[in-house]
C-alpha atoms as a PDB file:
ATOM      1  CA  MET A   1      82.434-212.669 123.671  1.00  0.00           C
ATOM      2  CA  PRO A   2      79.598-214.374 122.201  1.00  0.00           C
ATOM      3  CA  LEU A   3      77.618-211.166 122.675  1.00  0.00           C
ATOM      4  CA  GLU A   4      80.183-209.336 120.067  1.00  0.00           C
ATOM      5  CA  HIS A   5      78.162-211.055 116.966  1.00  0.00           C
ATOM      6  CA  ILE A   6      74.830-208.924 117.874  1.00  0.00           C
ATOM      7  CA  HIS A   7      76.844-206.044 118.637  1.00  0.00           C
ATOM      8  CA  ASP A   8      78.675-205.806 115.420  1.00  0.00           C
ATOM      9  CA  GLN A   9      75.361-205.677 113.509  1.00  0.00           C
ATOM     10  CA  LEU A  10      73.714-202.922 115.516  1.00  0.00           C
ATOM     11  CA  ARG A  11      76.884-200.409 116.130  1.00  0.00           C
ATOM     12  CA  LEU A  12      76.622-199.761 111.905  1.00  0.00           C
ATOM     13  CA  ARG A  13      72.867-198.936 112.872  1.00  0.00           C
ATOM     14  CA  HIS A  14      73.022-197.139 116.420  1.00  0.00           C
ATOM     15  CA  PRO A  15      76.926-195.637 116.453  1.00  0.00           C
ATOM     16  CA  LYS A  16      75.923-193.168 119.281  1.00  0.00           C
ATOM     17  CA  ARG A  17      74.802-196.262 121.457  1.00  0.00           C
ATOM     18  CA  SER A  18      77.151-198.193 124.372  1.00  0.00           C
ATOM     19  CA  PHE A  19      77.202-201.970 123.581  1.00  0.00           C
ATOM     20  CA  VAL A  20      79.295-202.327 126.908  1.00  0.00           C
ATOM     21  CA  GLN A  21      78.922-206.001 128.087  1.00  0.00           C
ATOM     22  CA  TYR A  22      79.104-206.625 131.685  1.00  0.00           C
ATOM     23  CA  ARG A  23      79.842-210.272 133.157  1.00  0.00           C
ATOM     24  CA  ILE A  24      77.204-211.167 136.071  1.00  0.00           C
ATOM     25  CA  ASP A  25      76.372-214.532 136.501  1.00  0.00           C
ATOM     26  CA  ARG A  26      73.122-214.131 138.277  1.00  0.00           C
ATOM     27  CA  PRO A  27      70.402-216.608 138.097  1.00  0.00           C
ATOM     28  CA  GLY A  28      67.509-216.643 136.020  1.00  0.00           C
ATOM     29  CA  PHE A  29      64.137-217.752 134.558  1.00  0.00           C
ATOM     30  CA  ILE A  30      62.813-217.950 131.072  1.00  0.00           C
ATOM     31  CA  THR A  31      59.353-217.790 130.564  1.00  0.00           C
ATOM     32  CA  PRO A  32      58.320-219.495 127.368  1.00  0.00           C
ATOM     33  CA  ILE A  33      55.345-217.302 125.421  1.00  0.00           C
ATOM     34  CA  GLY A  34      52.552-219.529 124.496  1.00  0.00           C
ATOM     35  CA  HIS A  35      49.088-219.831 122.852  1.00  0.00           C
ATOM     36  CA  HIS A  36      47.018-216.485 123.604  1.00  0.00           C
ATOM     37  CA  LEU A  37      50.750-214.905 125.592  1.00  0.00           C
ATOM     38  CA  SER A  38      50.219-217.538 128.071  1.00  0.00           C
ATOM     39  CA  THR A  39      53.280-217.831 130.524  1.00  0.00           C
ATOM     40  CA  ALA A  40      52.708-221.416 132.282  1.00  0.00           C
ATOM     41  CA  MET A  41      56.331-222.724 132.371  1.00  0.00           C
ATOM     42  CA  ARG A  42      59.341-221.131 133.973  1.00  0.00           C
ATOM     43  CA  TYR A  43      63.017-222.838 133.118  1.00  0.00           C
ATOM     44  CA  THR A  44      65.780-221.853 135.408  1.00  0.00           C
ATOM     45  CA  CYS A  45      69.157-220.873 133.737  1.00  0.00           C
ATOM     46  CA  LEU A  46      72.208-218.709 134.724  1.00  0.00           C
ATOM     47  CA  VAL A  47      72.644-215.390 132.956  1.00  0.00           C
ATOM     48  CA  ARG A  48      76.688-214.899 132.336  1.00  0.00           C
ATOM     49  CA  SER A  49      76.983-211.647 130.707  1.00  0.00           C
ATOM     50  CA  LEU A  50      74.595-208.565 129.891  1.00  0.00           C
ATOM     51  CA  SER A  51      74.558-206.154 127.425  1.00  0.00           C
ATOM     52  CA  SER A  52      72.025-203.163 126.759  1.00  0.00           C
ATOM     53  CA  ALA A  53      71.384-205.242 123.455  1.00  0.00           C
ATOM     54  CA  GLY A  54      71.428-208.856 124.365  1.00  0.00           C
ATOM     55  CA  ALA A  55      72.413-211.715 127.010  1.00  0.00           C
ATOM     56  CA  MET A  56      74.468-214.810 127.257  1.00  0.00           C
ATOM     57  CA  LEU A  57      72.904-217.571 129.035  1.00  0.00           C
ATOM     58  CA  SER A  58      73.645-221.137 130.647  1.00  0.00           C
ATOM     59  CA  VAL A  59      70.904-223.227 129.981  1.00  0.00           C
ATOM     60  CA  ASN A  60      69.888-227.008 129.521  1.00  0.00           C
ATOM     61  CA  LYS A  61      71.447-228.302 125.893  1.00  0.00           C
ATOM     62  CA  THR A  62      68.130-230.444 126.003  1.00  0.00           C
ATOM     63  CA  LEU A  63      65.572-227.527 126.551  1.00  0.00           C
ATOM     64  CA  THR A  64      63.567-227.133 123.959  1.00  0.00           C
ATOM     65  CA  LEU A  65      62.682-223.404 123.625  1.00  0.00           C
ATOM     66  CA  PRO A  66      60.517-221.012 121.359  1.00  0.00           C
ATOM     67  CA  GLU A  67      62.133-218.054 119.206  1.00  0.00           C
ATOM     68  CA  ASN A  68      60.573-215.352 121.799  1.00  0.00           C
ATOM     69  CA  PHE A  69      60.569-215.587 125.544  1.00  0.00           C
ATOM     70  CA  TYR A  70      61.064-213.354 128.940  1.00  0.00           C
ATOM     71  CA  LEU A  71      63.936-213.284 130.866  1.00  0.00           C
ATOM     72  CA  GLU A  72      64.096-212.758 134.278  1.00  0.00           C
ATOM     73  CA  ILE A  73      67.229-211.830 136.351  1.00  0.00           C
ATOM     74  CA  GLN A  74      66.876-212.664 140.332  1.00  0.00           C
ATOM     75  CA  GLY A  75      66.381-209.609 142.041  1.00  0.00           C
ATOM     76  CA  VAL A  76      64.959-207.667 139.246  1.00  0.00           C
ATOM     77  CA  ARG A  77      61.081-206.902 139.191  1.00  0.00           C
ATOM     78  CA  ASP A  78      60.773-206.752 135.278  1.00  0.00           C
ATOM     79  CA  GLY A  79      61.070-209.643 132.463  1.00  0.00           C
ATOM     80  CA  ILE A  80      62.836-208.549 129.167  1.00  0.00           C
ATOM     81  CA  PRO A  81      61.598-209.814 126.181  1.00  0.00           C
ATOM     82  CA  CYS A  82      64.287-211.757 124.134  1.00  0.00           C
ATOM     83  CA  THR A  83      64.573-213.205 120.852  1.00  0.00           C
ATOM     84  CA  GLU A  84      67.043-216.397 120.198  1.00  0.00           C
ATOM     85  CA  PHE A  85      69.986-215.420 117.879  1.00  0.00           C
ATOM     86  CA  LYS A  86      72.518-218.142 118.601  1.00  0.00           C
ATOM     87  CA  ARG A  87      72.889-221.495 120.640  1.00  0.00           C
ATOM     88  CA  GLU A  88      75.396-224.021 120.722  1.00  0.00           C
ATOM     89  CA  GLY A  89      75.092-226.502 123.612  1.00  0.00           C
ATOM     90  CA  GLU A  90      74.560-224.833 126.505  1.00  0.00           C
ATOM     91  CA  GLU A  91      75.145-221.530 125.625  1.00  0.00           C
ATOM     92  CA  LEU A  92      72.710-219.718 124.523  1.00  0.00           C
ATOM     93  CA  VAL A  93      72.912-215.985 122.912  1.00  0.00           C
ATOM     94  CA  VAL A  94      69.606-213.929 123.125  1.00  0.00           C
ATOM     95  CA  ARG A  95      69.199-210.141 121.677  1.00  0.00           C
ATOM     96  CA  PHE A  96      66.613-207.913 123.502  1.00  0.00           C
ATOM     97  CA  ASN A  97      63.393-206.926 121.506  1.00  0.00           C
ATOM     98  CA  MET A  98      64.036-203.356 122.232  1.00  0.00           C
ATOM     99  CA  PHE A  99      67.324-201.632 124.006  1.00  0.00           C
ATOM    100  CA  LEU A 100      67.493-201.655 128.238  1.00  0.00           C
ATOM    101  CA  ASP A 101      67.058-198.525 129.371  1.00  0.00           C
ATOM    102  CA  PRO A 102      70.539-197.387 130.760  1.00  0.00           C
ATOM    103  CA  ASP A 103      68.691-196.704 134.471  1.00  0.00           C
ATOM    104  CA  PHE A 104      66.869-200.207 134.399  1.00  0.00           C
ATOM    105  CA  LEU A 105      70.612-201.991 132.999  1.00  0.00           C
ATOM    106  CA  ASN A 106      72.166-200.141 135.806  1.00  0.00           C
ATOM    107  CA  ALA A 107      69.424-201.175 138.547  1.00  0.00           C
ATOM    108  CA  VAL A 108      70.153-204.608 137.386  1.00  0.00           C
ATOM    109  CA  LEU A 109      74.449-204.438 137.448  1.00  0.00           C
ATOM    110  CA  GLY A 110      73.345-202.780 141.200  1.00  0.00           C
ATOM    111  CA  ARG A 111      74.341-199.298 140.349  1.00  0.00           C
ATOM    112  CA  GLN A 112      73.095-196.226 141.529  1.00  0.00           C
ATOM    113  CA  PRO A 113      71.805-194.268 139.046  1.00  0.00           C
ATOM    114  CA  ASP A 114      73.916-191.299 137.407  1.00  0.00           C
ATOM    115  CA  THR A 115      72.524-187.736 138.853  1.00  0.00           C
ATOM    116  CA  HIS A 116      74.432-185.259 137.422  1.00  0.00           C
ATOM    117  CA  ALA A 117      73.405-181.604 137.766  1.00  0.00           C
ATOM    118  CA  LEU A 118      73.280-179.625 134.470  1.00  0.00           C
END
């Protein structure tokens, strides 16, 4: 899968981190970061898959985006800062500017938090 390119690079630097890729096929929005960090425009996308390090999106192939933007996944309150990693036609692979917190990732996936007693 396309996110594997990102994961291969990151596994060497973060061997204990999980880079499991989850297929979610959920609607989302791309919000470009403009002059003075303005966010006036929003574009629709489909979030195909997601990991703690990045995501694969389907976007309009004619859409021109800056290198950095926010990804909003429908049903999730917070935007995720992203950087474009690779683009081919309608397929856009993005890397998150920081790893997703496991609890946040579980919330996006619709999972209950892991609450094991010590």
